[in-house]
C-alpha cells in the first residue's frame, strides 16, 4: 500500500515521538502499568518538568493515555504496538552487535 503525503507525515510524526531517549524510558516504565508523573520521575534521572513535557508529546502522538484519579493524573500505554516496535529495533541492534567489526587499514 502506497501512502499519500498526509499519511507519510503522520507516520513520520509517530517515529519522531520515539526519537528521544526520555520518551523511550517513559514508555519502558509504563510497560508495568499506569503511573503518575511523580512515580515516573522517581524512576528516571530527569526533572518533573521534562517528564511532563515528554508525556505531553507522547500523549499528543496517541501513544499514552491519561486519566485523573483524585488529585493525580495517571498515564498508561494507549497503543501496545509500541512494545512490538521497540522489540523490532532491539532485535536489529542485537543482530548488529553480533556482526564482526569491519577490518580497518
PDB file of N, CA and C in Angstrom:
ATOM      1  N   UNK A   1       0.837  -1.174   0.000  1.00  0.00           N
ATOM      2  CA  UNK A   1       0.000   0.000   0.000  1.00  0.00           C
ATOM      3  C   UNK A   1       0.889   1.246   0.000  1.00  0.00           C
ATOM      4  N   UNK A   2       0.662   2.110  -0.940  1.00  0.00           N
ATOM      5  CA  UNK A   2       1.420   3.350  -1.041  1.00  0.00           C
ATOM      6  C   UNK A   2       0.682   4.442  -0.266  1.00  0.00           C
ATOM      7  N   UNK A   3       1.425   5.168   0.582  1.00  0.00           N
ATOM      8  CA  UNK A   3       0.823   6.210   1.408  1.00  0.00           C
ATOM      9  C   UNK A   3       0.877   7.556   0.700  1.00  0.00           C
ATOM     10  N   UNK A   4      -0.139   8.384   0.971  1.00  0.00           N
ATOM     11  CA  UNK A   4      -0.112   9.737   0.413  1.00  0.00           C
ATOM     12  C   UNK A   4       0.702  10.645   1.333  1.00  0.00           C
ATOM     13  N   UNK A   5       0.892  11.880   0.938  1.00  0.00           N
ATOM     14  CA  UNK A   5       1.758  12.816   1.686  1.00  0.00           C
ATOM     15  C   UNK A   5       1.272  13.010   3.120  1.00  0.00           C
ATOM     16  N   UNK A   6      -0.028  13.121   3.329  1.00  0.00           N
ATOM     17  CA  UNK A   6      -0.570  13.316   4.678  1.00  0.00           C
ATOM     18  C   UNK A   6      -0.298  12.095   5.550  1.00  0.00           C
ATOM     19  N   UNK A   7      -0.492  10.926   4.990  1.00  0.00           N
ATOM     20  CA  UNK A   7      -0.232   9.694   5.738  1.00  0.00           C
ATOM     21  C   UNK A   7       1.251   9.549   6.069  1.00  0.00           C
ATOM     22  N   UNK A   8       2.110   9.890   5.122  1.00  0.00           N
ATOM     23  CA  UNK A   8       3.552   9.832   5.372  1.00  0.00           C
ATOM     24  C   UNK A   8       3.950  10.778   6.495  1.00  0.00           C
ATOM     25  N   UNK A   9       3.355  11.955   6.528  1.00  0.00           N
ATOM     26  CA  UNK A   9       3.647  12.924   7.597  1.00  0.00           C
ATOM     27  C   UNK A   9       3.207  12.376   8.952  1.00  0.00           C
ATOM     28  N   UNK A  10       2.068  11.711   8.998  1.00  0.00           N
ATOM     29  CA  UNK A  10       1.600  11.126  10.263  1.00  0.00           C
ATOM     30  C   UNK A  10       2.535  10.004  10.728  1.00  0.00           C
ATOM     31  N   UNK A  11       3.008   9.193   9.781  1.00  0.00           N
ATOM     32  CA  UNK A  11       3.965   8.130  10.128  1.00  0.00           C
ATOM     33  C   UNK A  11       5.253   8.755  10.654  1.00  0.00           C
ATOM     34  N   UNK A  12       5.743   9.794   9.980  1.00  0.00           N
ATOM     35  CA  UNK A  12       6.969  10.469  10.422  1.00  0.00           C
ATOM     36  C   UNK A  12       6.776  11.063  11.815  1.00  0.00           C
ATOM     37  N   UNK A  13       5.606  11.625  12.081  1.00  0.00           N
ATOM     38  CA  UNK A  13       5.319  12.178  13.407  1.00  0.00           C
ATOM     39  C   UNK A  13       5.357  11.113  14.484  1.00  0.00           C
ATOM     40  N   UNK A  14       4.854   9.942  14.156  1.00  0.00           N
ATOM     41  CA  UNK A  14       4.888   8.840  15.118  1.00  0.00           C
ATOM     42  C   UNK A  14       6.328   8.427  15.407  1.00  0.00           C
ATOM     43  N   UNK A  15       7.148   8.330  14.369  1.00  0.00           N
ATOM     44  CA  UNK A  15       8.559   7.981  14.589  1.00  0.00           C
ATOM     45  C   UNK A  15       9.290   9.085  15.353  1.00  0.00           C
ATOM     46  N   UNK A  16       8.925  10.348  15.143  1.00  0.00           N
ATOM     47  CA  UNK A  16       9.543  11.436  15.919  1.00  0.00           C
ATOM     48  C   UNK A  16       9.244  11.271  17.407  1.00  0.00           C
ATOM     49  N   UNK A  17       8.079  10.732  17.728  1.00  0.00           N
ATOM     50  CA  UNK A  17       7.726  10.521  19.129  1.00  0.00           C
ATOM     51  C   UNK A  17       8.675   9.535  19.807  1.00  0.00           C
ATOM     52  N   UNK A  18       9.278   8.645  19.032  1.00  0.00           N
ATOM     53  CA  UNK A  18      10.223   7.663  19.575  1.00  0.00           C
ATOM     54  C   UNK A  18      11.659   8.168  19.561  1.00  0.00           C
ATOM     55  N   UNK A  19      11.881   9.341  19.026  1.00  0.00           N
ATOM     56  CA  UNK A  19      13.245   9.812  18.754  1.00  0.00           C
ATOM     57  C   UNK A  19      13.894  10.543  19.926  1.00  0.00           C
ATOM     58  N   UNK A  20      13.458  10.295  21.127  1.00  0.00           N
ATOM     59  CA  UNK A  20      14.017  10.970  22.302  1.00  0.00           C
ATOM     60  C   UNK A  20      14.175   9.932  23.414  1.00  0.00           C
ATOM     61  N   UNK A  21      15.370   9.786  23.969  1.00  0.00           N
ATOM     62  CA  UNK A  21      15.607   8.745  24.977  1.00  0.00           C
ATOM     63  C   UNK A  21      14.690   8.824  26.198  1.00  0.00           C
ATOM     64  N   UNK A  22      14.351  10.012  26.650  1.00  0.00           N
ATOM     65  CA  UNK A  22      13.469  10.111  27.824  1.00  0.00           C
ATOM     66  C   UNK A  22      12.090   9.570  27.508  1.00  0.00           C
ATOM     67  N   UNK A  23      11.601   9.822  26.305  1.00  0.00           N
ATOM     68  CA  UNK A  23      10.290   9.284  25.930  1.00  0.00           C
ATOM     69  C   UNK A  23      10.337   7.760  25.885  1.00  0.00           C
ATOM     70  N   UNK A  24      11.423   7.205  25.375  1.00  0.00           N
ATOM     71  CA  UNK A  24      11.564   5.751  25.356  1.00  0.00           C
ATOM     72  C   UNK A  24      11.630   5.189  26.777  1.00  0.00           C
ATOM     73  N   UNK A  25      12.322   5.886  27.660  1.00  0.00           N
ATOM     74  CA  UNK A  25      12.410   5.451  29.056  1.00  0.00           C
ATOM     75  C   UNK A  25      11.032   5.491  29.719  1.00  0.00           C
ATOM     76  N   UNK A  26      10.248   6.503  29.407  1.00  0.00           N
ATOM     77  CA  UNK A  26       8.888   6.602  29.958  1.00  0.00           C
ATOM     78  C   UNK A  26       8.047   5.429  29.472  1.00  0.00           C
ATOM     79  N   UNK A  27       8.110   5.144  28.176  1.00  0.00           N
ATOM     80  CA  UNK A  27       7.364   4.008  27.627  1.00  0.00           C
ATOM     81  C   UNK A  27       7.779   2.724  28.335  1.00  0.00           C
ATOM     82  N   UNK A  28       9.069   2.569  28.553  1.00  0.00           N
ATOM     83  CA  UNK A  28       9.581   1.389  29.248  1.00  0.00           C
ATOM     84  C   UNK A  28       9.006   1.293  30.657  1.00  0.00           C
ATOM     85  N   UNK A  29       8.942   2.414  31.365  1.00  0.00           N
ATOM     86  CA  UNK A  29       8.385   2.419  32.725  1.00  0.00           C
ATOM     87  C   UNK A  29       6.899   2.081  32.717  1.00  0.00           C
ATOM     88  N   UNK A  30       6.184   2.561  31.713  1.00  0.00           N
ATOM     89  CA  UNK A  30       4.738   2.345  31.661  1.00  0.00           C
ATOM     90  C   UNK A  30       4.366   0.931  31.237  1.00  0.00           C
ATOM     91  N   UNK A  31       5.346   0.153  30.842  1.00  0.00           N
ATOM     92  CA  UNK A  31       5.065  -1.230  30.454  1.00  0.00           C
ATOM     93  C   UNK A  31       4.440  -1.993  31.614  1.00  0.00           C
ATOM     94  N   UNK A  32       4.795  -1.640  32.835  1.00  0.00           N
ATOM     95  CA  UNK A  32       4.260  -2.314  34.013  1.00  0.00           C
ATOM     96  C   UNK A  32       2.873  -1.851  34.428  1.00  0.00           C
ATOM     97  N   UNK A  33       2.353  -0.833  33.775  1.00  0.00           N
ATOM     98  CA  UNK A  33       1.020  -0.333  34.113  1.00  0.00           C
ATOM     99  C   UNK A  33       1.027   1.174  34.317  1.00  0.00           C
ATOM    100  N   UNK A  34      -0.119   1.698  34.638  1.00  0.00           N
ATOM    101  CA  UNK A  34      -0.280   3.143  34.800  1.00  0.00           C
ATOM    102  C   UNK A  34       0.621   3.683  35.913  1.00  0.00           C
ATOM    103  N   UNK A  35       1.076   4.909  35.700  1.00  0.00           N
ATOM    104  CA  UNK A  35       1.912   5.587  36.696  1.00  0.00           C
ATOM    105  C   UNK A  35       1.590   7.075  36.679  1.00  0.00           C
ATOM    106  N   UNK A  36       1.808   7.716  37.813  1.00  0.00           N
ATOM    107  CA  UNK A  36       1.691   9.173  37.890  1.00  0.00           C
ATOM    108  C   UNK A  36       3.011   9.806  37.458  1.00  0.00           C
ATOM    109  N   UNK A  37       2.977  11.100  37.216  1.00  0.00           N
ATOM    110  CA  UNK A  37       4.194  11.816  36.837  1.00  0.00           C
ATOM    111  C   UNK A  37       5.258  11.647  37.918  1.00  0.00           C
ATOM    112  N   UNK A  38       4.868  11.802  39.176  1.00  0.00           N
ATOM    113  CA  UNK A  38       5.857  11.700  40.253  1.00  0.00           C
ATOM    114  C   UNK A  38       6.459  10.294  40.334  1.00  0.00           C
ATOM    115  N   UNK A  39       5.665   9.266  40.074  1.00  0.00           N
ATOM    116  CA  UNK A  39       6.199   7.900  40.070  1.00  0.00           C
ATOM    117  C   UNK A  39       7.205   7.714  38.933  1.00  0.00           C
ATOM    118  N   UNK A  40       6.901   8.296  37.775  1.00  0.00           N
ATOM    119  CA  UNK A  40       7.821   8.199  36.642  1.00  0.00           C
ATOM    120  C   UNK A  40       9.110   8.947  36.953  1.00  0.00           C
ATOM    121  N   UNK A  41       8.987  10.150  37.510  1.00  0.00           N
ATOM    122  CA  UNK A  41      10.162  10.957  37.861  1.00  0.00           C
ATOM    123  C   UNK A  41      11.058  10.183  38.825  1.00  0.00           C
ATOM    124  N   UNK A  42      10.452   9.493  39.784  1.00  0.00           N
ATOM    125  CA  UNK A  42      11.231   8.712  40.752  1.00  0.00           C
ATOM    126  C   UNK A  42      12.067   7.622  40.089  1.00  0.00           C
ATOM    127  N   UNK A  43      11.642   7.144  38.927  1.00  0.00           N
ATOM    128  CA  UNK A  43      12.347   6.067  38.234  1.00  0.00           C
ATOM    129  C   UNK A  43      13.393   6.567  37.238  1.00  0.00           C
ATOM    130  N   UNK A  44      13.302   7.843  36.861  1.00  0.00           N
ATOM    131  CA  UNK A  44      14.195   8.388  35.838  1.00  0.00           C
ATOM    132  C   UNK A  44      15.136   9.426  36.432  1.00  0.00           C
ATOM    133  N   UNK A  45      16.181   9.730  35.713  1.00  0.00           N
ATOM    134  CA  UNK A  45      17.143  10.736  36.173  1.00  0.00           C
ATOM    135  C   UNK A  45      16.930  12.046  35.415  1.00  0.00           C
ATOM    136  N   UNK A  46      15.718  12.558  35.503  1.00  0.00           N
ATOM    137  CA  UNK A  46      15.385  13.824  34.859  1.00  0.00           C
ATOM    138  C   UNK A  46      14.365  14.556  35.708  1.00  0.00           C
ATOM    139  N   UNK A  47      14.080  15.782  35.343  1.00  0.00           N
ATOM    140  CA  UNK A  47      13.197  16.623  36.144  1.00  0.00           C
ATOM    141  C   UNK A  47      11.722  16.328  35.892  1.00  0.00           C
ATOM    142  N   UNK A  48      10.905  16.768  36.817  1.00  0.00           N
ATOM    143  CA  UNK A  48       9.455  16.633  36.678  1.00  0.00           C
ATOM    144  C   UNK A  48       8.978  17.411  35.464  1.00  0.00           C
ATOM    145  N   UNK A  49       9.565  18.576  35.233  1.00  0.00           N
ATOM    146  CA  UNK A  49       9.174  19.389  34.083  1.00  0.00           C
ATOM    147  C   UNK A  49       9.465  18.660  32.772  1.00  0.00           C
ATOM    148  N   UNK A  50      10.611  18.006  32.696  1.00  0.00           N
ATOM    149  CA  UNK A  50      10.958  17.275  31.480  1.00  0.00           C
ATOM    150  C   UNK A  50      10.048  16.065  31.284  1.00  0.00           C
ATOM    151  N   UNK A  51       9.766  15.339  32.347  1.00  0.00           N
ATOM    152  CA  UNK A  51       8.864  14.184  32.241  1.00  0.00           C
ATOM    153  C   UNK A  51       7.489  14.649  31.764  1.00  0.00           C
ATOM    154  N   UNK A  52       6.986  15.732  32.339  1.00  0.00           N
ATOM    155  CA  UNK A  52       5.683  16.253  31.928  1.00  0.00           C
ATOM    156  C   UNK A  52       5.684  16.641  30.452  1.00  0.00           C
ATOM    157  N   UNK A  53       6.749  17.285  30.022  1.00  0.00           N
ATOM    158  CA  UNK A  53       6.870  17.695  28.609  1.00  0.00           C
ATOM    159  C   UNK A  53       6.869  16.473  27.696  1.00  0.00           C
ATOM    160  N   UNK A  54       7.638  15.455  28.062  1.00  0.00           N
ATOM    161  CA  UNK A  54       7.740  14.261  27.228  1.00  0.00           C
ATOM    162  C   UNK A  54       6.429  13.470  27.231  1.00  0.00           C
ATOM    163  N   UNK A  55       5.751  13.432  28.381  1.00  0.00           N
ATOM    164  CA  UNK A  55       4.452  12.767  28.438  1.00  0.00           C
ATOM    165  C   UNK A  55       3.447  13.477  27.540  1.00  0.00           C
ATOM    166  N   UNK A  56       3.506  14.795  27.501  1.00  0.00           N
ATOM    167  CA  UNK A  56       2.602  15.560  26.631  1.00  0.00           C
ATOM    168  C   UNK A  56       2.846  15.188  25.163  1.00  0.00           C
ATOM    169  N   UNK A  57       4.096  15.066  24.778  1.00  0.00           N
ATOM    170  CA  UNK A  57       4.413  14.701  23.395  1.00  0.00           C
ATOM    171  C   UNK A  57       3.924  13.286  23.084  1.00  0.00           C
ATOM    172  N   UNK A  58       4.109  12.369  24.014  1.00  0.00           N
ATOM    173  CA  UNK A  58       3.624  11.002  23.818  1.00  0.00           C
ATOM    174  C   UNK A  58       2.098  10.966  23.755  1.00  0.00           C
ATOM    175  N   UNK A  59       1.463  11.775  24.574  1.00  0.00           N
ATOM    176  CA  UNK A  59       0.003  11.852  24.576  1.00  0.00           C
ATOM    177  C   UNK A  59      -0.499  12.426  23.249  1.00  0.00           C
ATOM    178  N   UNK A  60       0.131  13.495  22.809  1.00  0.00           N
ATOM    179  CA  UNK A  60      -0.265  14.122  21.539  1.00  0.00           C
ATOM    180  C   UNK A  60      -0.078  13.169  20.359  1.00  0.00           C
ATOM    181  N   UNK A  61       0.898  12.268  20.458  1.00  0.00           N
ATOM    182  CA  UNK A  61       1.145  11.285  19.402  1.00  0.00           C
ATOM    183  C   UNK A  61       0.192  10.093  19.500  1.00  0.00           C
ATOM    184  N   UNK A  62      -0.612  10.056  20.564  1.00  0.00           N
ATOM    185  CA  UNK A  62      -1.565   8.965  20.739  1.00  0.00           C
ATOM    186  C   UNK A  62      -0.966   7.694  21.303  1.00  0.00           C
ATOM    187  N   UNK A  63       0.220   7.812  21.900  1.00  0.00           N
ATOM    188  CA  UNK A  63       0.906   6.625  22.410  1.00  0.00           C
ATOM    189  C   UNK A  63       0.605   6.348  23.877  1.00  0.00           C
ATOM    190  N   UNK A  64       0.209   7.380  24.626  1.00  0.00           N
ATOM    191  CA  UNK A  64      -0.156   7.175  26.031  1.00  0.00           C
ATOM    192  C   UNK A  64      -1.540   7.761  26.303  1.00  0.00           C
ATOM    193  N   UNK A  65      -2.158   7.215  27.324  1.00  0.00           N
ATOM    194  CA  UNK A  65      -3.441   7.725  27.802  1.00  0.00           C
ATOM    195  C   UNK A  65      -3.183   8.485  29.092  1.00  0.00           C
ATOM    196  N   UNK A  66      -4.135   9.277  29.480  1.00  0.00           N
ATOM    197  CA  UNK A  66      -4.061   9.904  30.800  1.00  0.00           C
ATOM    198  C   UNK A  66      -5.473   9.975  31.367  1.00  0.00           C
ATOM    199  N   UNK A  67      -5.541   9.783  32.672  1.00  0.00           N
ATOM    200  CA  UNK A  67      -6.825   9.882  33.356  1.00  0.00           C
ATOM    201  C   UNK A  67      -6.594  10.416  34.752  1.00  0.00           C
ATOM    202  N   UNK A  68      -7.547  11.190  35.186  1.00  0.00           N
ATOM    203  CA  UNK A  68      -7.447  11.796  36.507  1.00  0.00           C
ATOM    204  C   UNK A  68      -8.028  10.836  37.543  1.00  0.00           C
ATOM    205  N   UNK A  69      -7.286  10.674  38.632  1.00  0.00           N
ATOM    206  CA  UNK A  69      -7.750   9.864  39.757  1.00  0.00           C
ATOM    207  C   UNK A  69      -7.462  10.669  41.015  1.00  0.00           C
ATOM    208  N   UNK A  70      -8.508  11.185  41.617  1.00  0.00           N
ATOM    209  CA  UNK A  70      -8.388  12.085  42.776  1.00  0.00           C
ATOM    210  C   UNK A  70      -7.521  13.284  42.374  1.00  0.00           C
ATOM    211  N   UNK A  71      -6.381  13.454  43.025  1.00  0.00           N
ATOM    212  CA  UNK A  71      -5.525  14.611  42.724  1.00  0.00           C
ATOM    213  C   UNK A  71      -4.400  14.279  41.757  1.00  0.00           C
ATOM    214  N   UNK A  72      -4.331  13.030  41.312  1.00  0.00           N
ATOM    215  CA  UNK A  72      -3.249  12.610  40.418  1.00  0.00           C
ATOM    216  C   UNK A  72      -3.757  12.403  38.994  1.00  0.00           C
ATOM    217  N   UNK A  73      -2.832  12.533  38.062  1.00  0.00           N
ATOM    218  CA  UNK A  73      -3.087  12.141  36.684  1.00  0.00           C
ATOM    219  C   UNK A  73      -2.241  10.901  36.420  1.00  0.00           C
ATOM    220  N   UNK A  74      -2.896   9.851  35.984  1.00  0.00           N
ATOM    221  CA  UNK A  74      -2.206   8.596  35.707  1.00  0.00           C
ATOM    222  C   UNK A  74      -2.029   8.435  34.205  1.00  0.00           C
ATOM    223  N   UNK A  75      -0.851   8.004  33.819  1.00  0.00           N
ATOM    224  CA  UNK A  75      -0.526   7.769  32.413  1.00  0.00           C
ATOM    225  C   UNK A  75      -0.359   6.283  32.186  1.00  0.00           C
ATOM    226  N   UNK A  76      -0.794   5.842  31.009  1.00  0.00           N
ATOM    227  CA  UNK A  76      -0.664   4.446  30.630  1.00  0.00           C
ATOM    228  C   UNK A  76      -0.394   4.339  29.139  1.00  0.00           C
ATOM    229  N   UNK A  77      -0.131   3.159  28.698  1.00  0.00           N
ATOM    230  CA  UNK A  77       0.131   2.915  27.280  1.00  0.00           C
ATOM    231  C   UNK A  77      -1.198   2.848  26.539  1.00  0.00           C
ATOM    232  N   UNK A  78      -1.331   3.674  25.513  1.00  0.00           N
ATOM    233  CA  UNK A  78      -2.547   3.682  24.699  1.00  0.00           C
ATOM    234  C   UNK A  78      -2.443   2.706  23.535  1.00  0.00           C
ATOM    235  N   UNK A  79      -1.236   2.508  23.075  1.00  0.00           N
ATOM    236  CA  UNK A  79      -1.023   1.704  21.875  1.00  0.00           C
ATOM    237  C   UNK A  79       0.047   0.647  22.145  1.00  0.00           C
ATOM    238  N   UNK A  80      -0.381  -0.580  22.482  1.00  0.00           N
ATOM    239  CA  UNK A  80       0.584  -1.627  22.824  1.00  0.00           C
ATOM    240  C   UNK A  80       1.582  -1.956  21.714  1.00  0.00           C
ATOM    241  N   UNK A  81       1.310  -1.541  20.487  1.00  0.00           N
ATOM    242  CA  UNK A  81       2.251  -1.826  19.406  1.00  0.00           C
ATOM    243  C   UNK A  81       3.601  -1.155  19.642  1.00  0.00           C
ATOM    244  N   UNK A  82       3.675  -0.196  20.567  1.00  0.00           N
ATOM    245  CA  UNK A  82       4.967   0.430  20.849  1.00  0.00           C
ATOM    246  C   UNK A  82       5.973  -0.610  21.319  1.00  0.00           C
ATOM    247  N   UNK A  83       5.507  -1.610  22.037  1.00  0.00           N
ATOM    248  CA  UNK A  83       6.417  -2.642  22.529  1.00  0.00           C
ATOM    249  C   UNK A  83       6.891  -3.541  21.394  1.00  0.00           C
ATOM    250  N   UNK A  84       6.016  -3.790  20.418  1.00  0.00           N
ATOM    251  CA  UNK A  84       6.422  -4.563  19.242  1.00  0.00           C
ATOM    252  C   UNK A  84       7.472  -3.805  18.451  1.00  0.00           C
ATOM    253  N   UNK A  85       7.253  -2.518  18.279  1.00  0.00           N
ATOM    254  CA  UNK A  85       8.199  -1.693  17.529  1.00  0.00           C
ATOM    255  C   UNK A  85       9.548  -1.638  18.248  1.00  0.00           C
ATOM    256  N   UNK A  86       9.521  -1.427  19.553  1.00  0.00           N
ATOM    257  CA  UNK A  86      10.763  -1.394  20.327  1.00  0.00           C
ATOM    258  C   UNK A  86      11.483  -2.737  20.260  1.00  0.00           C
ATOM    259  N   UNK A  87      10.728  -3.817  20.285  1.00  0.00           N
ATOM    260  CA  UNK A  87      11.326  -5.148  20.191  1.00  0.00           C
ATOM    261  C   UNK A  87      12.009  -5.344  18.840  1.00  0.00           C
ATOM    262  N   UNK A  88      11.373  -4.887  17.769  1.00  0.00           N
ATOM    263  CA  UNK A  88      11.980  -4.985  16.439  1.00  0.00           C
ATOM    264  C   UNK A  88      13.306  -4.230  16.379  1.00  0.00           C
ATOM    265  N   UNK A  89      13.322  -3.032  16.950  1.00  0.00           N
ATOM    266  CA  UNK A  89      14.541  -2.222  16.934  1.00  0.00           C
ATOM    267  C   UNK A  89      15.618  -2.887  17.784  1.00  0.00           C
ATOM    268  N   UNK A  90      15.238  -3.379  18.959  1.00  0.00           N
ATOM    269  CA  UNK A  90      16.218  -4.055  19.824  1.00  0.00           C
ATOM    270  C   UNK A  90      16.783  -5.300  19.142  1.00  0.00           C
ATOM    271  N   UNK A  91      15.925  -6.052  18.456  1.00  0.00           N
ATOM    272  CA  UNK A  91      16.399  -7.235  17.731  1.00  0.00           C
ATOM    273  C   UNK A  91      17.426  -6.837  16.676  1.00  0.00           C
ATOM    274  N   UNK A  92      17.169  -5.762  15.962  1.00  0.00           N
ATOM    275  CA  UNK A  92      18.098  -5.287  14.935  1.00  0.00           C
ATOM    276  C   UNK A  92      19.428  -4.888  15.570  1.00  0.00           C
ATOM    277  N   UNK A  93      19.385  -4.168  16.682  1.00  0.00           N
ATOM    278  CA  UNK A  93      20.612  -3.752  17.367  1.00  0.00           C
ATOM    279  C   UNK A  93      21.405  -4.961  17.859  1.00  0.00           C
ATOM    280  N   UNK A  94      20.688  -5.968  18.348  1.00  0.00           N
ATOM    281  CA  UNK A  94      21.363  -7.193  18.795  1.00  0.00           C
ATOM    282  C   UNK A  94      22.023  -7.921  17.626  1.00  0.00           C
ATOM    283  N   UNK A  95      21.346  -7.971  16.493  1.00  0.00           N
ATOM    284  CA  UNK A  95      21.952  -8.594  15.303  1.00  0.00           C
ATOM    285  C   UNK A  95      23.196  -7.822  14.884  1.00  0.00           C
ATOM    286  N   UNK A  96      23.105  -6.495  14.881  1.00  0.00           N
ATOM    287  CA  UNK A  96      24.253  -5.663  14.514  1.00  0.00           C
ATOM    288  C   UNK A  96      25.425  -5.880  15.459  1.00  0.00           C
ATOM    289  N   UNK A  97      25.147  -6.063  16.740  1.00  0.00           N
ATOM    290  CA  UNK A  97      26.211  -6.248  17.737  1.00  0.00           C
ATOM    291  C   UNK A  97      26.935  -7.573  17.530  1.00  0.00           C
ATOM    292  N   UNK A  98      26.262  -8.552  16.950  1.00  0.00           N
ATOM    293  CA  UNK A  98      26.875  -9.861  16.723  1.00  0.00           C
ATOM    294  C   UNK A  98      27.685  -9.916  15.433  1.00  0.00           C
ATOM    295  N   UNK A  99      27.535  -8.918  14.582  1.00  0.00           N
ATOM    296  CA  UNK A  99      28.292  -8.888  13.330  1.00  0.00           C
ATOM    297  C   UNK A  99      29.745  -8.567  13.632  1.00  0.00           C
ATOM    298  N   UNK A 100      30.658  -9.196  12.905  1.00  0.00           N
ATOM    299  CA  UNK A 100      32.075  -8.871  13.123  1.00  0.00           C
ATOM    300  C   UNK A 100      32.352  -7.432  12.675  1.00  0.00           C
ATOM    301  N   UNK A 101      33.230  -6.782  13.404  1.00  0.00           N
ATOM    302  CA  UNK A 101      33.591  -5.406  13.058  1.00  0.00           C
ATOM    303  C   UNK A 101      34.351  -5.413  11.741  1.00  0.00           C
ATOM    304  N   UNK A 102      34.105  -4.415  10.895  1.00  0.00           N
ATOM    305  CA  UNK A 102      34.843  -4.378   9.624  1.00  0.00           C
ATOM    306  C   UNK A 102      36.328  -4.115   9.886  1.00  0.00           C
ATOM    307  N   UNK A 103      37.144  -4.709   9.043  1.00  0.00           N
ATOM    308  CA  UNK A 103      38.585  -4.504   9.152  1.00  0.00           C
ATOM    309  C   UNK A 103      38.932  -3.099   8.688  1.00  0.00           C
ATOM    310  N   UNK A 104      39.849  -2.463   9.413  1.00  0.00           N
ATOM    311  CA  UNK A 104      40.296  -1.123   9.028  1.00  0.00           C
ATOM    312  C   UNK A 104      41.781  -1.178   8.730  1.00  0.00           C
ATOM    313  N   UNK A 105      42.150  -0.531   7.675  1.00  0.00           N
ATOM    314  CA  UNK A 105      43.574  -0.498   7.277  1.00  0.00           C
ATOM    315  C   UNK A 105      44.144   0.866   7.485  1.00  0.00           C
TER     316      UNK A 105
END
